[in-house]
Amino acid sequence: MDVQEQLLANNDQYQIKVKLDMPSELGGLTHGRIIYLNGRKSKAELNQNLAEEIGHEKFTVGNIVHEDSNSDTQQENKARVWGMQQLVSLNALVDAWQAGACSPQEVAEELEVTPEYLLDAIEMWRTKKGLTFWHGDYYFDLTNGIQIQRYDE
């Protein structure tokens, strides 16, 4: 199951339509239960945009396309963080590490996101959890990139 199928499996009320005639600066847009994605974006960008659009449906009130207020910016950030937590979850990082991905580029490829998005997600995890922390049996050190070690009890 690819990333988009996994996102939709947990949010099956939505349909995706990929459009080639969307403005280049717009990655996605939701109208009702249809999520329109910009077909001129890469597969990784489509995954990121889909996750964020679902996040908007969960947390956004009203039209925030122009981010005219502090509230709009906060809602935009909440949707983006939710998307990152779906695509670059701590479990997904462990899975990528177990698959042998070591560099940020390899991890991004494994998770089907862009390297820039991965780095933004790592920064989000640093803010939420700190530079070093435990997740189950795994010790994360995000001081300089992504370092994961497993410790069995």
C-alpha atoms as a PDB file:
ATOM      1  CA  MET A   1       0.000   0.000   0.000  1.00  0.00           C
ATOM      2  CA  ASP A   2       1.539   3.332  -0.983  1.00  0.00           C
ATOM      3  CA  VAL A   3       1.496   6.495   1.130  1.00  0.00           C
ATOM      4  CA  GLN A   4      -1.632   7.977  -0.451  1.00  0.00           C
ATOM      5  CA  GLU A   5      -3.552   4.715  -0.059  1.00  0.00           C
ATOM      6  CA  GLN A   6      -2.530   4.539   3.622  1.00  0.00           C
ATOM      7  CA  LEU A   7      -3.684   8.112   4.236  1.00  0.00           C
ATOM      8  CA  LEU A   8      -7.012   7.448   2.536  1.00  0.00           C
ATOM      9  CA  ALA A   9      -7.506   4.109   4.314  1.00  0.00           C
ATOM     10  CA  ASN A  10      -7.663   6.053   7.584  1.00  0.00           C
ATOM     11  CA  ASN A  11      -9.688   8.880   6.025  1.00  0.00           C
ATOM     12  CA  ASP A  12     -11.934   7.052   3.568  1.00  0.00           C
ATOM     13  CA  GLN A  13     -14.507   9.837   3.343  1.00  0.00           C
ATOM     14  CA  TYR A  14     -12.266  11.679   0.845  1.00  0.00           C
ATOM     15  CA  GLN A  15     -11.703  11.253  -2.869  1.00  0.00           C
ATOM     16  CA  ILE A  16      -8.579  12.447  -4.672  1.00  0.00           C
ATOM     17  CA  LYS A  17      -8.584  14.161  -8.040  1.00  0.00           C
ATOM     18  CA  VAL A  18      -5.282  15.088  -9.603  1.00  0.00           C
ATOM     19  CA  LYS A  19      -5.515  18.224 -11.756  1.00  0.00           C
ATOM     20  CA  LEU A  20      -2.898  19.562 -14.137  1.00  0.00           C
ATOM     21  CA  ASP A  21      -4.435  23.039 -14.409  1.00  0.00           C
ATOM     22  CA  MET A  22      -3.930  24.192 -10.812  1.00  0.00           C
ATOM     23  CA  PRO A  23      -1.746  27.250 -10.106  1.00  0.00           C
ATOM     24  CA  SER A  24       1.852  26.136  -9.567  1.00  0.00           C
ATOM     25  CA  GLU A  25       2.027  27.635  -6.052  1.00  0.00           C
ATOM     26  CA  LEU A  26      -1.019  25.623  -4.952  1.00  0.00           C
ATOM     27  CA  GLY A  27      -0.274  22.041  -3.896  1.00  0.00           C
ATOM     28  CA  GLY A  28      -3.791  21.026  -2.984  1.00  0.00           C
ATOM     29  CA  LEU A  29      -7.283  22.253  -2.331  1.00  0.00           C
ATOM     30  CA  THR A  30     -10.293  20.617  -0.730  1.00  0.00           C
ATOM     31  CA  HIS A  31     -13.875  21.191  -1.808  1.00  0.00           C
ATOM     32  CA  GLY A  32     -16.441  19.142   0.082  1.00  0.00           C
ATOM     33  CA  ARG A  33     -15.051  15.622   0.276  1.00  0.00           C
ATOM     34  CA  ILE A  34     -12.878  15.951  -2.833  1.00  0.00           C
ATOM     35  CA  ILE A  35      -9.196  16.744  -2.419  1.00  0.00           C
ATOM     36  CA  TYR A  36      -7.716  18.243  -5.568  1.00  0.00           C
ATOM     37  CA  LEU A  37      -3.959  17.768  -5.916  1.00  0.00           C
ATOM     38  CA  ASN A  38      -1.665  19.600  -8.307  1.00  0.00           C
ATOM     39  CA  GLY A  39      -0.587  17.017 -10.884  1.00  0.00           C
ATOM     40  CA  ARG A  40       2.514  19.021 -11.751  1.00  0.00           C
ATOM     41  CA  LYS A  41       4.061  18.141  -8.388  1.00  0.00           C
ATOM     42  CA  SER A  42       6.323  15.159  -7.681  1.00  0.00           C
ATOM     43  CA  LYS A  43       4.964  12.008  -6.044  1.00  0.00           C
ATOM     44  CA  ALA A  44       6.596  13.021  -2.747  1.00  0.00           C
ATOM     45  CA  GLU A  45       5.018  16.499  -2.935  1.00  0.00           C
ATOM     46  CA  LEU A  46       1.627  14.946  -3.716  1.00  0.00           C
ATOM     47  CA  ASN A  47       1.942  12.798  -0.577  1.00  0.00           C
ATOM     48  CA  GLN A  48       2.822  15.840   1.520  1.00  0.00           C
ATOM     49  CA  ASN A  49      -0.004  17.929   0.039  1.00  0.00           C
ATOM     50  CA  LEU A  50      -2.550  15.159   0.582  1.00  0.00           C
ATOM     51  CA  ALA A  51      -1.553  14.778   4.246  1.00  0.00           C
ATOM     52  CA  GLU A  52      -1.782  18.527   4.782  1.00  0.00           C
ATOM     53  CA  GLU A  53      -5.170  18.793   3.049  1.00  0.00           C
ATOM     54  CA  ILE A  54      -6.568  16.041   5.272  1.00  0.00           C
ATOM     55  CA  GLY A  55      -5.092  17.947   8.224  1.00  0.00           C
ATOM     56  CA  HIS A  56      -6.935  21.052   7.065  1.00  0.00           C
ATOM     57  CA  GLU A  57     -10.201  19.142   6.953  1.00  0.00           C
ATOM     58  CA  LYS A  58      -9.627  17.966  10.520  1.00  0.00           C
ATOM     59  CA  PHE A  59      -8.548  21.301  12.031  1.00  0.00           C
ATOM     60  CA  THR A  60      -9.342  24.276   9.803  1.00  0.00           C
ATOM     61  CA  VAL A  61     -12.384  26.515  10.033  1.00  0.00           C
ATOM     62  CA  GLY A  62     -13.205  28.685   7.014  1.00  0.00           C
ATOM     63  CA  ASN A  63     -11.040  29.723   4.067  1.00  0.00           C
ATOM     64  CA  ILE A  64      -7.420  30.276   5.092  1.00  0.00           C
ATOM     65  CA  VAL A  65      -5.878  30.319   1.606  1.00  0.00           C
ATOM     66  CA  HIS A  66      -4.468  33.820   2.063  1.00  0.00           C
ATOM     67  CA  GLU A  67      -3.441  33.396   5.735  1.00  0.00           C
ATOM     68  CA  ASP A  68      -4.721  36.890   6.509  1.00  0.00           C
ATOM     69  CA  SER A  69      -4.760  36.512  10.278  1.00  0.00           C
ATOM     70  CA  ASN A  70      -2.851  34.969  13.136  1.00  0.00           C
ATOM     71  CA  SER A  71      -5.619  32.389  13.450  1.00  0.00           C
ATOM     72  CA  ASP A  72      -5.235  31.422   9.770  1.00  0.00           C
ATOM     73  CA  THR A  73      -1.482  30.951  10.209  1.00  0.00           C
ATOM     74  CA  GLN A  74      -2.015  28.841  13.342  1.00  0.00           C
ATOM     75  CA  GLN A  75      -4.535  26.630  11.522  1.00  0.00           C
ATOM     76  CA  GLU A  76      -2.133  26.261   8.582  1.00  0.00           C
ATOM     77  CA  ASN A  77       0.651  25.206  10.940  1.00  0.00           C
ATOM     78  CA  LYS A  78      -1.605  22.745  12.794  1.00  0.00           C
ATOM     79  CA  ALA A  79      -2.580  21.046   9.517  1.00  0.00           C
ATOM     80  CA  ARG A  80       1.058  20.924   8.396  1.00  0.00           C
ATOM     81  CA  VAL A  81       2.219  19.417  11.706  1.00  0.00           C
ATOM     82  CA  TRP A  82      -0.569  16.823  11.575  1.00  0.00           C
ATOM     83  CA  GLY A  83       0.547  15.867   8.067  1.00  0.00           C
ATOM     84  CA  MET A  84       4.162  15.561   9.184  1.00  0.00           C
ATOM     85  CA  GLN A  85       3.141  13.350  12.101  1.00  0.00           C
ATOM     86  CA  GLN A  86       1.377  11.044   9.623  1.00  0.00           C
ATOM     87  CA  LEU A  87       4.135  10.857   7.004  1.00  0.00           C
ATOM     88  CA  VAL A  88       7.215  11.139   9.233  1.00  0.00           C
ATOM     89  CA  SER A  89       5.971   9.466  12.393  1.00  0.00           C
ATOM     90  CA  LEU A  90       8.468   8.124  14.892  1.00  0.00           C
ATOM     91  CA  ASN A  91       7.419   4.602  13.899  1.00  0.00           C
ATOM     92  CA  ALA A  92       8.016   5.460  10.222  1.00  0.00           C
ATOM     93  CA  LEU A  93      11.497   6.734  11.102  1.00  0.00           C
ATOM     94  CA  VAL A  94      12.221   3.467  12.929  1.00  0.00           C
ATOM     95  CA  ASP A  95      10.969   1.493   9.901  1.00  0.00           C
ATOM     96  CA  ALA A  96      13.222   3.516   7.566  1.00  0.00           C
ATOM     97  CA  TRP A  97      16.184   2.953   9.898  1.00  0.00           C
ATOM     98  CA  GLN A  98      15.432  -0.789  10.015  1.00  0.00           C
ATOM     99  CA  ALA A  99      15.278  -0.803   6.191  1.00  0.00           C
ATOM    100  CA  GLY A 100      18.837   0.530   6.163  1.00  0.00           C
ATOM    101  CA  ALA A 101      18.181   4.189   5.361  1.00  0.00           C
ATOM    102  CA  CYS A 102      20.954   6.238   6.960  1.00  0.00           C
ATOM    103  CA  SER A 103      21.196   9.634   5.284  1.00  0.00           C
ATOM    104  CA  PRO A 104      18.357  12.185   5.209  1.00  0.00           C
ATOM    105  CA  GLN A 105      18.068  11.596   1.443  1.00  0.00           C
ATOM    106  CA  GLU A 106      17.654   7.835   1.964  1.00  0.00           C
ATOM    107  CA  VAL A 107      15.131   8.317   4.769  1.00  0.00           C
ATOM    108  CA  ALA A 108      13.137  10.782   2.639  1.00  0.00           C
ATOM    109  CA  GLU A 109      13.090   8.298  -0.258  1.00  0.00           C
ATOM    110  CA  GLU A 110      11.998   5.483   2.055  1.00  0.00           C
ATOM    111  CA  LEU A 111       9.162   7.619   3.474  1.00  0.00           C
ATOM    112  CA  GLU A 112       8.229   9.039   0.042  1.00  0.00           C
ATOM    113  CA  VAL A 113       8.642  12.683   1.069  1.00  0.00           C
ATOM    114  CA  THR A 114      11.064  15.387  -0.057  1.00  0.00           C
ATOM    115  CA  PRO A 115      14.323  15.861   1.848  1.00  0.00           C
ATOM    116  CA  GLU A 116      13.208  19.395   2.768  1.00  0.00           C
ATOM    117  CA  TYR A 117       9.951  18.088   4.230  1.00  0.00           C
ATOM    118  CA  LEU A 118      11.852  15.438   6.188  1.00  0.00           C
ATOM    119  CA  LEU A 119      14.117  18.102   7.692  1.00  0.00           C
ATOM    120  CA  ASP A 120      11.082  20.230   8.600  1.00  0.00           C
ATOM    121  CA  ALA A 121       9.514  17.167  10.233  1.00  0.00           C
ATOM    122  CA  ILE A 122      12.708  16.439  12.176  1.00  0.00           C
ATOM    123  CA  GLU A 123      12.659  20.045  13.409  1.00  0.00           C
ATOM    124  CA  MET A 124       9.013  19.550  14.431  1.00  0.00           C
ATOM    125  CA  TRP A 125      10.000  16.413  16.417  1.00  0.00           C
ATOM    126  CA  ARG A 126      12.883  18.322  18.048  1.00  0.00           C
ATOM    127  CA  THR A 127      10.401  20.966  19.174  1.00  0.00           C
ATOM    128  CA  LYS A 128       7.862  18.402  20.426  1.00  0.00           C
ATOM    129  CA  LYS A 129      10.195  15.823  22.013  1.00  0.00           C
ATOM    130  CA  GLY A 130      13.614  17.447  22.420  1.00  0.00           C
ATOM    131  CA  LEU A 131      16.973  16.581  20.886  1.00  0.00           C
ATOM    132  CA  THR A 132      17.140  13.142  22.544  1.00  0.00           C
ATOM    133  CA  PHE A 133      14.276  10.973  23.708  1.00  0.00           C
ATOM    134  CA  TRP A 134      12.908   7.449  23.950  1.00  0.00           C
ATOM    135  CA  HIS A 135      10.171   6.013  21.772  1.00  0.00           C
ATOM    136  CA  GLY A 136       9.428   2.497  22.965  1.00  0.00           C
ATOM    137  CA  ASP A 137      12.679   0.517  22.807  1.00  0.00           C
ATOM    138  CA  TYR A 138      14.283   3.121  20.526  1.00  0.00           C
ATOM    139  CA  TYR A 139      16.526   5.963  21.541  1.00  0.00           C
ATOM    140  CA  PHE A 140      16.416   8.945  19.204  1.00  0.00           C
ATOM    141  CA  ASP A 141      19.195  11.512  18.940  1.00  0.00           C
ATOM    142  CA  LEU A 142      18.157  14.358  16.645  1.00  0.00           C
ATOM    143  CA  THR A 143      21.056  16.637  17.601  1.00  0.00           C
ATOM    144  CA  ASN A 144      22.793  16.270  14.224  1.00  0.00           C
ATOM    145  CA  GLY A 145      20.390  14.608  11.822  1.00  0.00           C
ATOM    146  CA  ILE A 146      18.681  11.350  12.705  1.00  0.00           C
ATOM    147  CA  GLN A 147      20.326   8.745  14.881  1.00  0.00           C
ATOM    148  CA  ILE A 148      18.300   5.828  16.193  1.00  0.00           C
ATOM    149  CA  GLN A 149      19.411   2.973  18.419  1.00  0.00           C
ATOM    150  CA  ARG A 150      17.440   0.051  19.738  1.00  0.00           C
ATOM    151  CA  TYR A 151      17.762  -1.083  23.329  1.00  0.00           C
ATOM    152  CA  ASP A 152      16.109  -4.329  24.352  1.00  0.00           C
ATOM    153  CA  GLU A 153      15.089  -4.751  27.957  1.00  0.00           C
END
